Amino acid sequence: TSIAQADTEAGAVAAALDQPPEVI
């Protein structure tokens, strides 16, 4: 239903903490 994208290790962690994913 929604998707966040990240292209770096740090960006991925930040995106997950901003909106916790149900699946990675």
mmCIF file of all heavy atoms, coordinates in Angstrom:
data_MODEL
# 
_entry.id   MODEL 
# 
loop_
_atom_site.group_PDB 
_atom_site.id 
_atom_site.type_symbol 
_atom_site.label_atom_id 
_atom_site.label_alt_id 
_atom_site.label_comp_id 
_atom_site.label_asym_id 
_atom_site.label_entity_id 
_atom_site.label_seq_id 
_atom_site.pdbx_PDB_ins_code 
_atom_site.Cartn_x 
_atom_site.Cartn_y 
_atom_site.Cartn_z 
_atom_site.occupancy 
_atom_site.B_iso_or_equiv 
_atom_site.pdbx_formal_charge 
_atom_site.auth_seq_id 
_atom_site.auth_comp_id 
_atom_site.auth_asym_id 
_atom_site.auth_atom_id 
_atom_site.pdbx_PDB_model_num 
ATOM 1   N N   . THR A 1 1  ? 0.804  -1.217 0.000  1.00 0.00 ? 1  THR A N   1 
ATOM 2   C CA  . THR A 1 1  ? 0.000  0.000  0.000  1.00 0.00 ? 1  THR A CA  1 
ATOM 3   C C   . THR A 1 1  ? 0.839  1.270  0.000  1.00 0.00 ? 1  THR A C   1 
ATOM 4   O O   . THR A 1 1  ? 0.373  2.317  -0.408 1.00 0.00 ? 1  THR A O   1 
ATOM 5   C CB  . THR A 1 1  ? -0.957 0.015  1.209  1.00 0.00 ? 1  THR A CB  1 
ATOM 6   O OG1 . THR A 1 1  ? -0.199 -0.197 2.394  1.00 0.00 ? 1  THR A OG1 1 
ATOM 7   C CG2 . THR A 1 1  ? -2.013 -1.079 1.068  1.00 0.00 ? 1  THR A CG2 1 
ATOM 8   N N   . SER A 1 2  ? 2.079  1.169  0.467  1.00 0.00 ? 2  SER A N   1 
ATOM 9   C CA  . SER A 1 2  ? 2.997  2.307  0.415  1.00 0.00 ? 2  SER A CA  1 
ATOM 10  C C   . SER A 1 2  ? 4.423  1.778  0.348  1.00 0.00 ? 2  SER A C   1 
ATOM 11  O O   . SER A 1 2  ? 4.711  0.691  0.851  1.00 0.00 ? 2  SER A O   1 
ATOM 12  C CB  . SER A 1 2  ? 2.821  3.234  1.615  1.00 0.00 ? 2  SER A CB  1 
ATOM 13  O OG  . SER A 1 2  ? 3.115  2.569  2.823  1.00 0.00 ? 2  SER A OG  1 
ATOM 14  N N   . ILE A 1 3  ? 5.286  2.561  -0.293 1.00 0.00 ? 3  ILE A N   1 
ATOM 15  C CA  . ILE A 1 3  ? 6.667  2.136  -0.482 1.00 0.00 ? 3  ILE A CA  1 
ATOM 16  C C   . ILE A 1 3  ? 7.598  3.316  -0.271 1.00 0.00 ? 3  ILE A C   1 
ATOM 17  O O   . ILE A 1 3  ? 7.354  4.407  -0.789 1.00 0.00 ? 3  ILE A O   1 
ATOM 18  C CB  . ILE A 1 3  ? 6.883  1.554  -1.897 1.00 0.00 ? 3  ILE A CB  1 
ATOM 19  C CG1 . ILE A 1 3  ? 6.035  0.290  -2.059 1.00 0.00 ? 3  ILE A CG1 1 
ATOM 20  C CG2 . ILE A 1 3  ? 8.356  1.267  -2.158 1.00 0.00 ? 3  ILE A CG2 1 
ATOM 21  C CD1 . ILE A 1 3  ? 6.074  -0.340 -3.416 1.00 0.00 ? 3  ILE A CD1 1 
ATOM 22  N N   . ALA A 1 4  ? 8.661  3.076  0.494  1.00 0.00 ? 4  ALA A N   1 
ATOM 23  C CA  . ALA A 1 4  ? 9.752  4.037  0.627  1.00 0.00 ? 4  ALA A CA  1 
ATOM 24  C C   . ALA A 1 4  ? 10.963 3.421  -0.053 1.00 0.00 ? 4  ALA A C   1 
ATOM 25  O O   . ALA A 1 4  ? 11.116 2.194  -0.073 1.00 0.00 ? 4  ALA A O   1 
ATOM 26  C CB  . ALA A 1 4  ? 10.057 4.311  2.100  1.00 0.00 ? 4  ALA A CB  1 
ATOM 27  N N   . GLN A 1 5  ? 11.819 4.268  -0.613 1.00 0.00 ? 5  GLN A N   1 
ATOM 28  C CA  . GLN A 1 5  ? 13.021 3.780  -1.271 1.00 0.00 ? 5  GLN A CA  1 
ATOM 29  C C   . GLN A 1 5  ? 14.245 4.449  -0.651 1.00 0.00 ? 5  GLN A C   1 
ATOM 30  O O   . GLN A 1 5  ? 14.189 5.606  -0.255 1.00 0.00 ? 5  GLN A O   1 
ATOM 31  C CB  . GLN A 1 5  ? 12.993 4.090  -2.767 1.00 0.00 ? 5  GLN A CB  1 
ATOM 32  C CG  . GLN A 1 5  ? 11.924 3.361  -3.521 1.00 0.00 ? 5  GLN A CG  1 
ATOM 33  C CD  . GLN A 1 5  ? 11.933 3.703  -5.011 1.00 0.00 ? 5  GLN A CD  1 
ATOM 34  O OE1 . GLN A 1 5  ? 12.797 4.401  -5.504 1.00 0.00 ? 5  GLN A OE1 1 
ATOM 35  N NE2 . GLN A 1 5  ? 10.941 3.184  -5.714 1.00 0.00 ? 5  GLN A NE2 1 
ATOM 36  N N   . ALA A 1 6  ? 15.332 3.687  -0.596 1.00 0.00 ? 6  ALA A N   1 
ATOM 37  C CA  . ALA A 1 6  ? 16.612 4.211  -0.114 1.00 0.00 ? 6  ALA A CA  1 
ATOM 38  C C   . ALA A 1 6  ? 17.711 3.581  -0.942 1.00 0.00 ? 6  ALA A C   1 
ATOM 39  O O   . ALA A 1 6  ? 17.608 2.418  -1.344 1.00 0.00 ? 6  ALA A O   1 
ATOM 40  C CB  . ALA A 1 6  ? 16.802 3.896  1.367  1.00 0.00 ? 6  ALA A CB  1 
ATOM 41  N N   . ASP A 1 7  ? 18.793 4.349  -1.194 1.00 0.00 ? 7  ASP A N   1 
ATOM 42  C CA  . ASP A 1 7  ? 19.885 3.813  -2.005 1.00 0.00 ? 7  ASP A CA  1 
ATOM 43  C C   . ASP A 1 7  ? 21.198 3.675  -1.248 1.00 0.00 ? 7  ASP A C   1 
ATOM 44  O O   . ASP A 1 7  ? 22.211 3.282  -1.817 1.00 0.00 ? 7  ASP A O   1 
ATOM 45  C CB  . ASP A 1 7  ? 20.082 4.646  -3.272 1.00 0.00 ? 7  ASP A CB  1 
ATOM 46  C CG  . ASP A 1 7  ? 20.476 6.083  -2.994 1.00 0.00 ? 7  ASP A CG  1 
ATOM 47  O OD1 . ASP A 1 7  ? 20.569 6.477  -1.814 1.00 0.00 ? 7  ASP A OD1 1 
ATOM 48  O OD2 . ASP A 1 7  ? 20.693 6.820  -3.976 1.00 0.00 ? 7  ASP A OD2 1 
ATOM 49  N N   . THR A 1 8  ? 21.181 3.983  0.057  1.00 0.00 ? 8  THR A N   1 
ATOM 50  C CA  . THR A 1 8  ? 22.374 3.831  0.888  1.00 0.00 ? 8  THR A CA  1 
ATOM 51  C C   . THR A 1 8  ? 21.997 3.151  2.203  1.00 0.00 ? 8  THR A C   1 
ATOM 52  O O   . THR A 1 8  ? 20.817 3.135  2.594  1.00 0.00 ? 8  THR A O   1 
ATOM 53  C CB  . THR A 1 8  ? 23.023 5.194  1.224  1.00 0.00 ? 8  THR A CB  1 
ATOM 54  O OG1 . THR A 1 8  ? 22.116 5.943  2.047  1.00 0.00 ? 8  THR A OG1 1 
ATOM 55  C CG2 . THR A 1 8  ? 23.378 5.976  -0.031 1.00 0.00 ? 8  THR A CG2 1 
ATOM 56  N N   . GLU A 1 9  ? 23.004 2.638  2.876  1.00 0.00 ? 9  GLU A N   1 
ATOM 57  C CA  . GLU A 1 9  ? 22.780 1.998  4.171  1.00 0.00 ? 9  GLU A CA  1 
ATOM 58  C C   . GLU A 1 9  ? 22.173 2.986  5.168  1.00 0.00 ? 9  GLU A C   1 
ATOM 59  O O   . GLU A 1 9  ? 21.164 2.695  5.816  1.00 0.00 ? 9  GLU A O   1 
ATOM 60  C CB  . GLU A 1 9  ? 24.122 1.458  4.679  1.00 0.00 ? 9  GLU A CB  1 
ATOM 61  C CG  . GLU A 1 9  ? 24.056 0.641  5.932  1.00 0.00 ? 9  GLU A CG  1 
ATOM 62  C CD  . GLU A 1 9  ? 25.415 0.070  6.327  1.00 0.00 ? 9  GLU A CD  1 
ATOM 63  O OE1 . GLU A 1 9  ? 26.216 -0.306 5.434  1.00 0.00 ? 9  GLU A OE1 1 
ATOM 64  O OE2 . GLU A 1 9  ? 25.677 0.009  7.541  1.00 0.00 ? 9  GLU A OE2 1 
ATOM 65  N N   . ALA A 1 10 ? 22.771 4.169  5.279  1.00 0.00 ? 10 ALA A N   1 
ATOM 66  C CA  . ALA A 1 10 ? 22.275 5.180  6.224  1.00 0.00 ? 10 ALA A CA  1 
ATOM 67  C C   . ALA A 1 10 ? 20.874 5.647  5.845  1.00 0.00 ? 10 ALA A C   1 
ATOM 68  O O   . ALA A 1 10 ? 20.009 5.839  6.708  1.00 0.00 ? 10 ALA A O   1 
ATOM 69  C CB  . ALA A 1 10 ? 23.239 6.359  6.289  1.00 0.00 ? 10 ALA A CB  1 
ATOM 70  N N   . GLY A 1 11 ? 20.645 5.835  4.550  1.00 0.00 ? 11 GLY A N   1 
ATOM 71  C CA  . GLY A 1 11 ? 19.331 6.267  4.091  1.00 0.00 ? 11 GLY A CA  1 
ATOM 72  C C   . GLY A 1 11 ? 18.255 5.239  4.390  1.00 0.00 ? 11 GLY A C   1 
ATOM 73  O O   . GLY A 1 11 ? 17.124 5.588  4.722  1.00 0.00 ? 11 GLY A O   1 
ATOM 74  N N   . ALA A 1 12 ? 18.603 3.975  4.282  1.00 0.00 ? 12 ALA A N   1 
ATOM 75  C CA  . ALA A 1 12 ? 17.650 2.906  4.573  1.00 0.00 ? 12 ALA A CA  1 
ATOM 76  C C   . ALA A 1 12 ? 17.254 2.904  6.043  1.00 0.00 ? 12 ALA A C   1 
ATOM 77  O O   . ALA A 1 12 ? 16.070 2.782  6.374  1.00 0.00 ? 12 ALA A O   1 
ATOM 78  C CB  . ALA A 1 12 ? 18.246 1.554  4.185  1.00 0.00 ? 12 ALA A CB  1 
ATOM 79  N N   . VAL A 1 13 ? 18.242 3.047  6.907  1.00 0.00 ? 13 VAL A N   1 
ATOM 80  C CA  . VAL A 1 13 ? 17.954 3.069  8.351  1.00 0.00 ? 13 VAL A CA  1 
ATOM 81  C C   . VAL A 1 13 ? 17.073 4.273  8.679  1.00 0.00 ? 13 VAL A C   1 
ATOM 82  O O   . VAL A 1 13 ? 16.075 4.153  9.400  1.00 0.00 ? 13 VAL A O   1 
ATOM 83  C CB  . VAL A 1 13 ? 19.255 3.067  9.175  1.00 0.00 ? 13 VAL A CB  1 
ATOM 84  C CG1 . VAL A 1 13 ? 18.955 3.244  10.659 1.00 0.00 ? 13 VAL A CG1 1 
ATOM 85  C CG2 . VAL A 1 13 ? 20.032 1.771  8.935  1.00 0.00 ? 13 VAL A CG2 1 
ATOM 86  N N   . ALA A 1 14 ? 17.409 5.429  8.134  1.00 0.00 ? 14 ALA A N   1 
ATOM 87  C CA  . ALA A 1 14 ? 16.619 6.639  8.387  1.00 0.00 ? 14 ALA A CA  1 
ATOM 88  C C   . ALA A 1 14 ? 15.185 6.472  7.887  1.00 0.00 ? 14 ALA A C   1 
ATOM 89  O O   . ALA A 1 14 ? 14.226 6.842  8.582  1.00 0.00 ? 14 ALA A O   1 
ATOM 90  C CB  . ALA A 1 14 ? 17.279 7.846  7.730  1.00 0.00 ? 14 ALA A CB  1 
ATOM 91  N N   . ALA A 1 15 ? 15.015 5.913  6.693  1.00 0.00 ? 15 ALA A N   1 
ATOM 92  C CA  . ALA A 1 15 ? 13.675 5.722  6.135  1.00 0.00 ? 15 ALA A CA  1 
ATOM 93  C C   . ALA A 1 15 ? 12.854 4.761  6.998  1.00 0.00 ? 15 ALA A C   1 
ATOM 94  O O   . ALA A 1 15 ? 11.668 4.987  7.226  1.00 0.00 ? 15 ALA A O   1 
ATOM 95  C CB  . ALA A 1 15 ? 13.771 5.195  4.705  1.00 0.00 ? 15 ALA A CB  1 
ATOM 96  N N   . ALA A 1 16 ? 13.496 3.700  7.489  1.00 0.00 ? 16 ALA A N   1 
ATOM 97  C CA  . ALA A 1 16 ? 12.790 2.721  8.325  1.00 0.00 ? 16 ALA A CA  1 
ATOM 98  C C   . ALA A 1 16 ? 12.382 3.320  9.668  1.00 0.00 ? 16 ALA A C   1 
ATOM 99  O O   . ALA A 1 16 ? 11.299 3.028  10.170 1.00 0.00 ? 16 ALA A O   1 
ATOM 100 C CB  . ALA A 1 16 ? 13.651 1.484  8.538  1.00 0.00 ? 16 ALA A CB  1 
ATOM 101 N N   . LEU A 1 17 ? 13.255 4.140  10.235 1.00 0.00 ? 17 LEU A N   1 
ATOM 102 C CA  . LEU A 1 17 ? 12.914 4.755  11.515 1.00 0.00 ? 17 LEU A CA  1 
ATOM 103 C C   . LEU A 1 17 ? 11.832 5.815  11.344 1.00 0.00 ? 17 LEU A C   1 
ATOM 104 O O   . LEU A 1 17 ? 11.026 6.039  12.247 1.00 0.00 ? 17 LEU A O   1 
ATOM 105 C CB  . LEU A 1 17 ? 14.163 5.347  12.168 1.00 0.00 ? 17 LEU A CB  1 
ATOM 106 C CG  . LEU A 1 17 ? 15.235 4.326  12.572 1.00 0.00 ? 17 LEU A CG  1 
ATOM 107 C CD1 . LEU A 1 17 ? 16.442 5.028  13.180 1.00 0.00 ? 17 LEU A CD1 1 
ATOM 108 C CD2 . LEU A 1 17 ? 14.677 3.271  13.525 1.00 0.00 ? 17 LEU A CD2 1 
ATOM 109 N N   . ASP A 1 18 ? 11.801 6.463  10.177 1.00 0.00 ? 18 ASP A N   1 
ATOM 110 C CA  . ASP A 1 18 ? 10.777 7.473  9.885  1.00 0.00 ? 18 ASP A CA  1 
ATOM 111 C C   . ASP A 1 18 ? 9.406  6.831  9.715  1.00 0.00 ? 18 ASP A C   1 
ATOM 112 O O   . ASP A 1 18 ? 8.409  7.342  10.213 1.00 0.00 ? 18 ASP A O   1 
ATOM 113 C CB  . ASP A 1 18 ? 11.168 8.252  8.626  1.00 0.00 ? 18 ASP A CB  1 
ATOM 114 C CG  . ASP A 1 18 ? 10.175 9.346  8.312  1.00 0.00 ? 18 ASP A CG  1 
ATOM 115 O OD1 . ASP A 1 18 ? 9.884  10.168 9.207  1.00 0.00 ? 18 ASP A OD1 1 
ATOM 116 O OD2 . ASP A 1 18 ? 9.690  9.389  7.161  1.00 0.00 ? 18 ASP A OD2 1 
ATOM 117 N N   . GLN A 1 19 ? 9.349  5.726  8.986  1.00 0.00 ? 19 GLN A N   1 
ATOM 118 C CA  . GLN A 1 19 ? 8.103  4.984  8.785  1.00 0.00 ? 19 GLN A CA  1 
ATOM 119 C C   . GLN A 1 19 ? 8.434  3.497  8.783  1.00 0.00 ? 19 GLN A C   1 
ATOM 120 O O   . GLN A 1 19 ? 8.895  2.959  7.773  1.00 0.00 ? 19 GLN A O   1 
ATOM 121 C CB  . GLN A 1 19 ? 7.424  5.382  7.473  1.00 0.00 ? 19 GLN A CB  1 
ATOM 122 C CG  . GLN A 1 19 ? 6.074  4.723  7.295  1.00 0.00 ? 19 GLN A CG  1 
ATOM 123 C CD  . GLN A 1 19 ? 5.334  5.212  6.049  1.00 0.00 ? 19 GLN A CD  1 
ATOM 124 O OE1 . GLN A 1 19 ? 5.843  6.003  5.272  1.00 0.00 ? 19 GLN A OE1 1 
ATOM 125 N NE2 . GLN A 1 19 ? 4.138  4.716  5.862  1.00 0.00 ? 19 GLN A NE2 1 
ATOM 126 N N   . PRO A 1 20 ? 8.239  2.818  9.909  1.00 0.00 ? 20 PRO A N   1 
ATOM 127 C CA  . PRO A 1 20 ? 8.613  1.407  10.013 1.00 0.00 ? 20 PRO A CA  1 
ATOM 128 C C   . PRO A 1 20 ? 7.913  0.538  8.959  1.00 0.00 ? 20 PRO A C   1 
ATOM 129 O O   . PRO A 1 20 ? 6.699  0.595  8.798  1.00 0.00 ? 20 PRO A O   1 
ATOM 130 C CB  . PRO A 1 20 ? 8.165  1.020  11.418 1.00 0.00 ? 20 PRO A CB  1 
ATOM 131 C CG  . PRO A 1 20 ? 8.211  2.307  12.184 1.00 0.00 ? 20 PRO A CG  1 
ATOM 132 C CD  . PRO A 1 20 ? 7.761  3.345  11.189 1.00 0.00 ? 20 PRO A CD  1 
ATOM 133 N N   . PRO A 1 21 ? 8.708  -0.254 8.236  1.00 0.00 ? 21 PRO A N   1 
ATOM 134 C CA  . PRO A 1 21 ? 8.127  -1.121 7.210  1.00 0.00 ? 21 PRO A CA  1 
ATOM 135 C C   . PRO A 1 21 ? 7.626  -2.438 7.790  1.00 0.00 ? 21 PRO A C   1 
ATOM 136 O O   . PRO A 1 21 ? 8.117  -2.903 8.812  1.00 0.00 ? 21 PRO A O   1 
ATOM 137 C CB  . PRO A 1 21 ? 9.311  -1.372 6.277  1.00 0.00 ? 21 PRO A CB  1 
ATOM 138 C CG  . PRO A 1 21 ? 10.500 -1.325 7.184  1.00 0.00 ? 21 PRO A CG  1 
ATOM 139 C CD  . PRO A 1 21 ? 10.173 -0.285 8.222  1.00 0.00 ? 21 PRO A CD  1 
ATOM 140 N N   . GLU A 1 22 ? 6.648  -3.040 7.100  1.00 0.00 ? 22 GLU A N   1 
ATOM 141 C CA  . GLU A 1 22 ? 6.207  -4.394 7.440  1.00 0.00 ? 22 GLU A CA  1 
ATOM 142 C C   . GLU A 1 22 ? 7.049  -5.430 6.699  1.00 0.00 ? 22 GLU A C   1 
ATOM 143 O O   . GLU A 1 22 ? 7.150  -6.566 7.142  1.00 0.00 ? 22 GLU A O   1 
ATOM 144 C CB  . GLU A 1 22 ? 4.733  -4.596 7.104  1.00 0.00 ? 22 GLU A CB  1 
ATOM 145 C CG  . GLU A 1 22 ? 3.775  -4.000 8.114  1.00 0.00 ? 22 GLU A CG  1 
ATOM 146 C CD  . GLU A 1 22 ? 3.515  -2.514 7.888  1.00 0.00 ? 22 GLU A CD  1 
ATOM 147 O OE1 . GLU A 1 22 ? 3.658  -2.024 6.760  1.00 0.00 ? 22 GLU A OE1 1 
ATOM 148 O OE2 . GLU A 1 22 ? 3.175  -1.837 8.871  1.00 0.00 ? 22 GLU A OE2 1 
ATOM 149 N N   . VAL A 1 23 ? 7.625  -5.027 5.556  1.00 0.00 ? 23 VAL A N   1 
ATOM 150 C CA  . VAL A 1 23 ? 8.476  -5.897 4.751  1.00 0.00 ? 23 VAL A CA  1 
ATOM 151 C C   . VAL A 1 23 ? 9.611  -5.037 4.196  1.00 0.00 ? 23 VAL A C   1 
ATOM 152 O O   . VAL A 1 23 ? 9.403  -3.880 3.844  1.00 0.00 ? 23 VAL A O   1 
ATOM 153 C CB  . VAL A 1 23 ? 7.697  -6.547 3.577  1.00 0.00 ? 23 VAL A CB  1 
ATOM 154 C CG1 . VAL A 1 23 ? 8.620  -7.392 2.702  1.00 0.00 ? 23 VAL A CG1 1 
ATOM 155 C CG2 . VAL A 1 23 ? 6.531  -7.390 4.089  1.00 0.00 ? 23 VAL A CG2 1 
ATOM 156 N N   . ILE A 1 24 ? 10.812 -5.631 4.108  1.00 0.00 ? 24 ILE A N   1 
ATOM 157 C CA  . ILE A 1 24 ? 11.962 -4.968 3.502  1.00 0.00 ? 24 ILE A CA  1 
ATOM 158 C C   . ILE A 1 24 ? 12.388 -5.782 2.281  1.00 0.00 ? 24 ILE A C   1 
ATOM 159 O O   . ILE A 1 24 ? 12.479 -7.007 2.350  1.00 0.00 ? 24 ILE A O   1 
ATOM 160 C CB  . ILE A 1 24 ? 13.145 -4.870 4.489  1.00 0.00 ? 24 ILE A CB  1 
ATOM 161 C CG1 . ILE A 1 24 ? 12.770 -4.034 5.712  1.00 0.00 ? 24 ILE A CG1 1 
ATOM 162 C CG2 . ILE A 1 24 ? 14.386 -4.294 3.791  1.00 0.00 ? 24 ILE A CG2 1 
ATOM 163 C CD1 . ILE A 1 24 ? 13.814 -4.070 6.837  1.00 0.00 ? 24 ILE A CD1 1 
# 
